[in-house]
Amino acid sequence: MIPDIVTAVVVGLLTIAIVLAVAGVVRARTAGDAVVAGDLFFFAFIGFVAVFGLIFSIEAVIDVILVATVLGFLSVLSLARLLQGGQR
């Protein structure tokens, strides 16, 4: 279904994104920097789930991805509000 070279390139790029995200969390100077890097790590992991779901033709992956992305988005909003001290 998906050519092998495309899969290899996508997995390679997602791996680079995860490595950079982990480095960003480790080197973060502020809590906001760590949150952004953690968000990158989360969505790169969701990308891995999507790619492997396509490779193995698992139909339930789309539902898992939709729920996880909504939860990830809401968690970033909550952390942003927490970092601002609860102000809007």
C-alpha atoms as a PDB file:
ATOM      1  CA  MET A   1       0.000   0.000   0.000  1.00  0.00           C
ATOM      2  CA  ILE A   2       2.655   2.562   1.037  1.00  0.00           C
ATOM      3  CA  PRO A   3       6.045   2.305  -0.705  1.00  0.00           C
ATOM      4  CA  ASP A   4       8.835   1.161   1.570  1.00  0.00           C
ATOM      5  CA  ILE A   5      11.003   4.196   0.868  1.00  0.00           C
ATOM      6  CA  VAL A   6       8.218   6.557   1.936  1.00  0.00           C
ATOM      7  CA  THR A   7       7.739   4.606   5.157  1.00  0.00           C
ATOM      8  CA  ALA A   8      11.471   4.690   5.862  1.00  0.00           C
ATOM      9  CA  VAL A   9      11.695   8.442   5.274  1.00  0.00           C
ATOM     10  CA  VAL A  10       8.664   9.181   7.466  1.00  0.00           C
ATOM     11  CA  VAL A  11       9.904   6.962  10.296  1.00  0.00           C
ATOM     12  CA  GLY A  12      13.339   8.571  10.031  1.00  0.00           C
ATOM     13  CA  LEU A  13      11.909  12.087  10.222  1.00  0.00           C
ATOM     14  CA  LEU A  14       9.705  11.162  13.168  1.00  0.00           C
ATOM     15  CA  THR A  15      12.722   9.649  14.932  1.00  0.00           C
ATOM     16  CA  ILE A  16      14.654  12.883  14.420  1.00  0.00           C
ATOM     17  CA  ALA A  17      11.694  14.844  15.792  1.00  0.00           C
ATOM     18  CA  ILE A  18      11.568  12.659  18.897  1.00  0.00           C
ATOM     19  CA  VAL A  19      15.309  12.995  19.500  1.00  0.00           C
ATOM     20  CA  LEU A  20      15.071  16.778  19.165  1.00  0.00           C
ATOM     21  CA  ALA A  21      12.043  16.848  21.468  1.00  0.00           C
ATOM     22  CA  VAL A  22      13.832  14.874  24.163  1.00  0.00           C
ATOM     23  CA  ALA A  23      16.835  17.202  23.834  1.00  0.00           C
ATOM     24  CA  GLY A  24      14.454  20.151  24.097  1.00  0.00           C
ATOM     25  CA  VAL A  25      12.926  18.816  27.301  1.00  0.00           C
ATOM     26  CA  VAL A  26      16.359  18.209  28.814  1.00  0.00           C
ATOM     27  CA  ARG A  27      17.728  21.625  27.820  1.00  0.00           C
ATOM     28  CA  ALA A  28      14.569  23.628  28.549  1.00  0.00           C
ATOM     29  CA  ARG A  29      15.229  26.817  30.451  1.00  0.00           C
ATOM     30  CA  THR A  30      11.618  27.540  31.301  1.00  0.00           C
ATOM     31  CA  ALA A  31       8.575  25.418  31.945  1.00  0.00           C
ATOM     32  CA  GLY A  32       7.027  26.726  28.726  1.00  0.00           C
ATOM     33  CA  ASP A  33       9.953  25.430  26.680  1.00  0.00           C
ATOM     34  CA  ALA A  34       9.579  22.012  28.280  1.00  0.00           C
ATOM     35  CA  VAL A  35       5.844  21.971  27.530  1.00  0.00           C
ATOM     36  CA  VAL A  36       6.411  22.794  23.864  1.00  0.00           C
ATOM     37  CA  ALA A  37       9.091  20.112  23.545  1.00  0.00           C
ATOM     38  CA  GLY A  38       6.860  17.595  25.313  1.00  0.00           C
ATOM     39  CA  ASP A  39       4.060  18.455  22.915  1.00  0.00           C
ATOM     40  CA  LEU A  40       6.376  17.816  19.972  1.00  0.00           C
ATOM     41  CA  PHE A  41       7.306  14.454  21.467  1.00  0.00           C
ATOM     42  CA  PHE A  42       3.648  13.557  21.947  1.00  0.00           C
ATOM     43  CA  PHE A  43       2.609  14.415  18.404  1.00  0.00           C
ATOM     44  CA  ALA A  44       5.647  12.660  16.906  1.00  0.00           C
ATOM     45  CA  PHE A  45       4.597   9.570  18.828  1.00  0.00           C
ATOM     46  CA  ILE A  46       1.082   9.961  17.398  1.00  0.00           C
ATOM     47  CA  GLY A  47       2.736  10.100  13.971  1.00  0.00           C
ATOM     48  CA  PHE A  48       4.437   6.775  14.712  1.00  0.00           C
ATOM     49  CA  VAL A  49       1.096   5.276  15.676  1.00  0.00           C
ATOM     50  CA  ALA A  50      -0.446   6.537  12.436  1.00  0.00           C
ATOM     51  CA  VAL A  51       2.357   5.168  10.267  1.00  0.00           C
ATOM     52  CA  PHE A  52       2.331   1.748  11.886  1.00  0.00           C
ATOM     53  CA  GLY A  53      -1.461   1.697  11.727  1.00  0.00           C
ATOM     54  CA  LEU A  54      -1.236   2.249   7.983  1.00  0.00           C
ATOM     55  CA  ILE A  55       1.496  -0.350   7.557  1.00  0.00           C
ATOM     56  CA  PHE A  56      -0.417  -3.063   9.407  1.00  0.00           C
ATOM     57  CA  SER A  57      -3.881  -1.947   8.169  1.00  0.00           C
ATOM     58  CA  ILE A  58      -5.376  -1.498  11.624  1.00  0.00           C
ATOM     59  CA  GLU A  59      -8.698   0.302  11.318  1.00  0.00           C
ATOM     60  CA  ALA A  60      -9.048   1.320  14.975  1.00  0.00           C
ATOM     61  CA  VAL A  61      -5.926   3.478  14.803  1.00  0.00           C
ATOM     62  CA  ILE A  62      -7.838   6.471  13.448  1.00  0.00           C
ATOM     63  CA  ASP A  63     -10.112   6.492  16.498  1.00  0.00           C
ATOM     64  CA  VAL A  64      -7.137   6.247  18.842  1.00  0.00           C
ATOM     65  CA  ILE A  65      -5.358   9.074  17.021  1.00  0.00           C
ATOM     66  CA  LEU A  66      -8.400  11.358  17.155  1.00  0.00           C
ATOM     67  CA  VAL A  67      -8.911  10.852  20.880  1.00  0.00           C
ATOM     68  CA  ALA A  68      -5.202  11.215  21.646  1.00  0.00           C
ATOM     69  CA  THR A  69      -4.819  14.430  19.658  1.00  0.00           C
ATOM     70  CA  VAL A  70      -7.808  16.028  21.364  1.00  0.00           C
ATOM     71  CA  LEU A  71      -6.397  15.069  24.760  1.00  0.00           C
ATOM     72  CA  GLY A  72      -2.954  16.357  23.777  1.00  0.00           C
ATOM     73  CA  PHE A  73      -4.394  19.670  22.608  1.00  0.00           C
ATOM     74  CA  LEU A  74      -6.407  20.100  25.793  1.00  0.00           C
ATOM     75  CA  SER A  75      -3.404  19.249  27.961  1.00  0.00           C
ATOM     76  CA  VAL A  76      -1.300  21.928  26.249  1.00  0.00           C
ATOM     77  CA  LEU A  77      -4.068  24.474  26.786  1.00  0.00           C
ATOM     78  CA  SER A  78      -4.289  23.497  30.443  1.00  0.00           C
ATOM     79  CA  LEU A  79      -0.537  23.765  30.932  1.00  0.00           C
ATOM     80  CA  ALA A  80      -0.446  27.139  29.187  1.00  0.00           C
ATOM     81  CA  ARG A  81      -3.152  28.424  31.495  1.00  0.00           C
ATOM     82  CA  LEU A  82      -1.333  27.009  34.515  1.00  0.00           C
ATOM     83  CA  LEU A  83       1.896  28.720  33.467  1.00  0.00           C
ATOM     84  CA  GLN A  84       0.064  32.040  33.137  1.00  0.00           C
ATOM     85  CA  GLY A  85      -1.204  31.740  36.684  1.00  0.00           C
ATOM     86  CA  GLY A  86      -4.791  31.000  35.707  1.00  0.00           C
ATOM     87  CA  GLN A  87      -5.228  34.311  33.907  1.00  0.00           C
ATOM     88  CA  ARG A  88      -6.816  34.660  30.492  1.00  0.00           C
END
